């Protein structure tokens, strides 16, 4: 392959992965064309894209982009990306592998997950499955913020509501009548 063609392929990879921060790296060997087509169609319906890469070129491109990937360049590499979060992407890939495993028990040997990349950092696939989605993370943060705030509000309103309740109870009582004086002894 000439230097010009390599440079063109690297430029294409840079363009394709410029805004991609979440990826799953797969090793795929020995798939039939029907299974490969089924994988691509299933993932495309879920808005997930697949792209075969030449390891040496991808290593250079991702190194230039600041994404350091270790121990993933030994076998052919297939990149999967395009979901809302790394968790959703990982779930879809895992679900697809399990579904294919029902039809072909050897699919685990044919499709292997190498690693995942979340926000440009390499992580394990198990970590990617456990990471919160963007909405889950925002919900957790809001919960952490509102928790102490609601306790403070309760502390401020608690005593005031007790006092208001006591004042209301006292105001609703009928005034006590003065006791009648005892008759004078005759």
Protein backbone atom coordinates (compact mmCIF):
# COMPACT_ATOMS: atom_id res chain seq x y z
CA UNK A 1 0.00 0.00 0.00
CA UNK A 2 1.47 3.34 -0.99
CA UNK A 3 1.98 6.19 1.45
CA UNK A 4 -0.66 8.27 -0.28
CA UNK A 5 -3.30 5.57 0.08
CA UNK A 6 -2.37 5.02 3.72
CA UNK A 7 -2.63 8.74 4.35
CA UNK A 8 -6.02 8.86 2.64
CA UNK A 9 -7.26 5.96 4.80
CA UNK A 10 -5.94 7.64 7.95
CA UNK A 11 -7.64 10.90 6.97
CA UNK A 12 -10.88 8.98 6.42
CA UNK A 13 -10.57 7.35 9.86
CA UNK A 14 -9.90 10.74 11.48
CA UNK A 15 -12.99 12.15 9.79
CA UNK A 16 -15.20 9.17 10.71
CA UNK A 17 -14.12 9.10 14.37
CA UNK A 18 -13.58 12.82 14.99
CA UNK A 19 -16.60 13.26 17.28
CA UNK A 20 -16.83 9.68 18.54
CA UNK A 21 -15.98 9.32 22.23
CA UNK A 22 -17.70 5.99 23.02
CA UNK A 23 -16.72 2.78 21.21
CA UNK A 24 -16.79 -0.97 21.62
CA UNK A 25 -13.92 -2.84 19.99
CA UNK A 26 -14.71 -6.32 18.72
CA UNK A 27 -12.70 -9.16 17.31
CA UNK A 28 -14.68 -11.00 14.65
CA UNK A 29 -13.42 -14.14 12.92
CA UNK A 30 -15.15 -16.83 10.93
CA UNK A 31 -18.61 -15.32 10.52
CA UNK A 32 -20.65 -16.38 7.54
CA UNK A 33 -21.78 -13.61 5.23
CA UNK A 34 -25.39 -14.14 6.35
CA UNK A 35 -24.48 -13.75 10.03
CA UNK A 36 -22.33 -10.71 9.28
CA UNK A 37 -25.20 -9.14 7.36
CA UNK A 38 -27.63 -9.97 10.18
CA UNK A 39 -25.29 -8.34 12.73
CA UNK A 40 -24.97 -5.18 10.66
CA UNK A 41 -28.71 -4.89 9.96
CA UNK A 42 -29.66 -5.49 13.59
CA UNK A 43 -27.24 -2.87 14.87
CA UNK A 44 -28.10 -0.39 12.11
CA UNK A 45 -31.74 -0.48 13.25
CA UNK A 46 -30.52 0.58 16.68
CA UNK A 47 -28.45 3.42 15.18
CA UNK A 48 -25.14 1.66 15.81
CA UNK A 49 -22.48 1.72 13.12
CA UNK A 50 -19.73 -0.82 12.48
CA UNK A 51 -16.38 -0.22 10.82
CA UNK A 52 -13.49 -2.58 10.11
CA UNK A 53 -10.11 -0.98 10.63
CA UNK A 54 -6.57 -1.81 9.75
CA UNK A 55 -4.90 -2.09 13.16
CA UNK A 56 -1.68 -0.27 12.31
CA UNK A 57 -3.51 2.70 10.81
CA UNK A 58 -6.13 2.83 13.56
CA UNK A 59 -3.42 2.76 16.25
CA UNK A 60 -1.77 5.80 14.66
CA UNK A 61 -5.03 7.70 14.16
CA UNK A 62 -6.31 7.12 17.68
CA UNK A 63 -2.89 7.94 19.10
CA UNK A 64 -3.00 11.30 17.29
CA UNK A 65 -6.53 11.86 18.59
CA UNK A 66 -5.32 11.28 22.16
CA UNK A 67 -7.06 7.93 22.66
CA UNK A 68 -4.51 5.42 23.91
CA UNK A 69 -5.64 1.83 23.42
CA UNK A 70 -3.56 -0.95 24.90
CA UNK A 71 -3.64 -4.68 24.10
CA UNK A 72 -6.37 -4.45 21.46
CA UNK A 73 -4.41 -4.59 18.23
CA UNK A 74 -3.56 -8.32 18.07
CA UNK A 75 -6.50 -9.58 15.99
CA UNK A 76 -8.74 -8.00 13.34
CA UNK A 77 -10.68 -5.12 14.88
CA UNK A 78 -14.25 -4.05 14.30
CA UNK A 79 -15.36 -0.75 15.87
CA UNK A 80 -18.97 -0.29 16.99
CA UNK A 81 -20.27 3.18 17.87
CA UNK A 82 -23.25 5.46 17.55
CA UNK A 83 -25.46 5.00 20.59
CA UNK A 84 -26.47 7.57 23.23
CA UNK A 85 -24.02 6.21 25.80
CA UNK A 86 -21.40 3.54 26.27
CA UNK A 87 -23.80 1.61 28.51
CA UNK A 88 -26.52 1.43 25.86
CA UNK A 89 -23.98 0.57 23.18
CA UNK A 90 -22.47 -2.20 25.30
CA UNK A 91 -25.91 -3.61 26.18
CA UNK A 92 -26.90 -3.74 22.52
CA UNK A 93 -23.67 -5.48 21.51
CA UNK A 94 -23.96 -7.94 24.39
CA UNK A 95 -27.62 -8.62 23.58
CA UNK A 96 -26.80 -9.24 19.94
CA UNK A 97 -24.04 -11.70 20.84
CA UNK A 98 -26.41 -13.55 23.21
CA UNK A 99 -29.16 -13.68 20.56
CA UNK A 100 -26.73 -15.05 17.99
CA UNK A 101 -25.43 -17.50 20.58
CA UNK A 102 -28.89 -19.09 20.79
CA UNK A 103 -28.67 -20.01 17.10
CA UNK A 104 -24.95 -20.79 16.98
CA UNK A 105 -23.30 -21.94 20.23
CA UNK A 106 -19.82 -21.20 18.81
CA UNK A 107 -20.60 -17.51 18.29
CA UNK A 108 -18.65 -16.68 21.47
CA UNK A 109 -15.50 -17.87 19.72
CA UNK A 110 -16.31 -15.91 16.56
CA UNK A 111 -17.27 -12.56 18.11
CA UNK A 112 -15.24 -11.40 21.09
CA UNK A 113 -15.31 -8.05 22.80
CA UNK A 114 -11.80 -6.64 23.13
CA UNK A 115 -12.46 -3.47 25.11
CA UNK A 116 -14.61 -0.39 25.33
CA UNK A 117 -13.79 3.30 25.12
CA UNK A 118 -15.75 5.79 27.21
CA UNK A 119 -15.07 9.50 26.71
CA UNK A 120 -11.77 8.67 25.05
CA UNK A 121 -10.51 6.39 27.86
CA UNK A 122 -10.11 2.63 27.50
CA UNK A 123 -12.19 0.60 29.96
CA UNK A 124 -13.24 -3.00 30.25
CA UNK A 125 -16.48 -4.16 28.71
CA UNK A 126 -17.84 -5.06 32.16
CA UNK A 127 -17.23 -1.48 33.34
CA UNK A 128 -18.99 -0.17 30.24
CA UNK A 129 -22.06 -2.26 31.04
CA UNK A 130 -22.21 -0.78 34.55
CA UNK A 131 -21.59 2.87 33.70
CA UNK A 132 -24.61 5.14 34.06
CA UNK A 133 -26.19 6.71 31.03
CA UNK A 134 -26.19 10.49 30.78
CA UNK A 135 -29.76 10.73 32.12
CA UNK A 136 -28.99 8.36 35.01
CA UNK A 137 -25.91 10.39 35.96
CA UNK A 138 -27.86 13.66 35.86
CA UNK A 139 -30.59 12.09 38.00
CA UNK A 140 -28.04 10.93 40.58
CA UNK A 141 -26.48 14.39 40.76
CA UNK A 142 -29.85 16.10 41.14
CA UNK A 143 -30.76 13.61 43.87
CA UNK A 144 -27.51 14.38 45.69
CA UNK A 145 -28.19 18.11 45.45
CA UNK A 146 -31.84 17.90 46.50
CA UNK A 147 -31.26 15.50 49.40
CA UNK A 148 -29.48 17.94 51.75
CA UNK A 149 -31.59 20.86 50.52
CA UNK A 150 -34.81 19.08 51.43
CA UNK A 151 -33.40 18.23 54.88
CA UNK A 152 -32.51 21.88 55.48
CA UNK A 153 -35.96 22.99 54.35
CA UNK A 154 -37.55 20.45 56.71
CA UNK A 155 -35.39 21.70 59.59
CA UNK A 156 -36.42 25.29 58.91
CA UNK A 157 -40.11 24.64 58.46
CA UNK A 158 -40.48 21.98 61.17
CA UNK A 159 -40.26 24.19 64.29
CA UNK A 160 -42.18 27.01 62.62
CA UNK A 161 -45.05 24.69 61.74
CA UNK A 162 -45.12 23.35 65.31
CA UNK A 163 -45.37 26.85 66.72
CA UNK A 164 -48.07 27.78 64.18
CA UNK A 165 -50.01 24.66 65.12
CA UNK A 166 -49.83 25.50 68.85
CA UNK A 167 -50.92 29.10 68.25
CA UNK A 168 -53.86 27.89 66.14
CA UNK A 169 -54.92 25.45 68.86
CA UNK A 170 -54.76 28.13 71.53
CA UNK A 171 -56.72 30.61 69.39
CA UNK A 172 -59.53 28.11 68.80
CA UNK A 173 -60.02 27.40 72.49
CA UNK A 174 -62.93 29.22 74.04
CA UNK A 175 -61.86 31.63 76.71
CA UNK A 176 -62.24 30.17 80.15
CA UNK A 177 -65.05 31.65 82.21
CA UNK A 178 -64.11 33.19 85.47
CA UNK A 179 -65.26 31.09 88.34
CA UNK A 180 -68.25 32.52 90.17
CA UNK A 181 -67.36 33.81 93.58
CA UNK A 182 -68.43 31.59 96.38
CA UNK A 183 -71.45 32.81 98.31
CA UNK A 184 -70.58 34.73 101.44
CA UNK A 185 -71.19 32.86 104.67
CA UNK A 186 -74.38 33.98 106.29
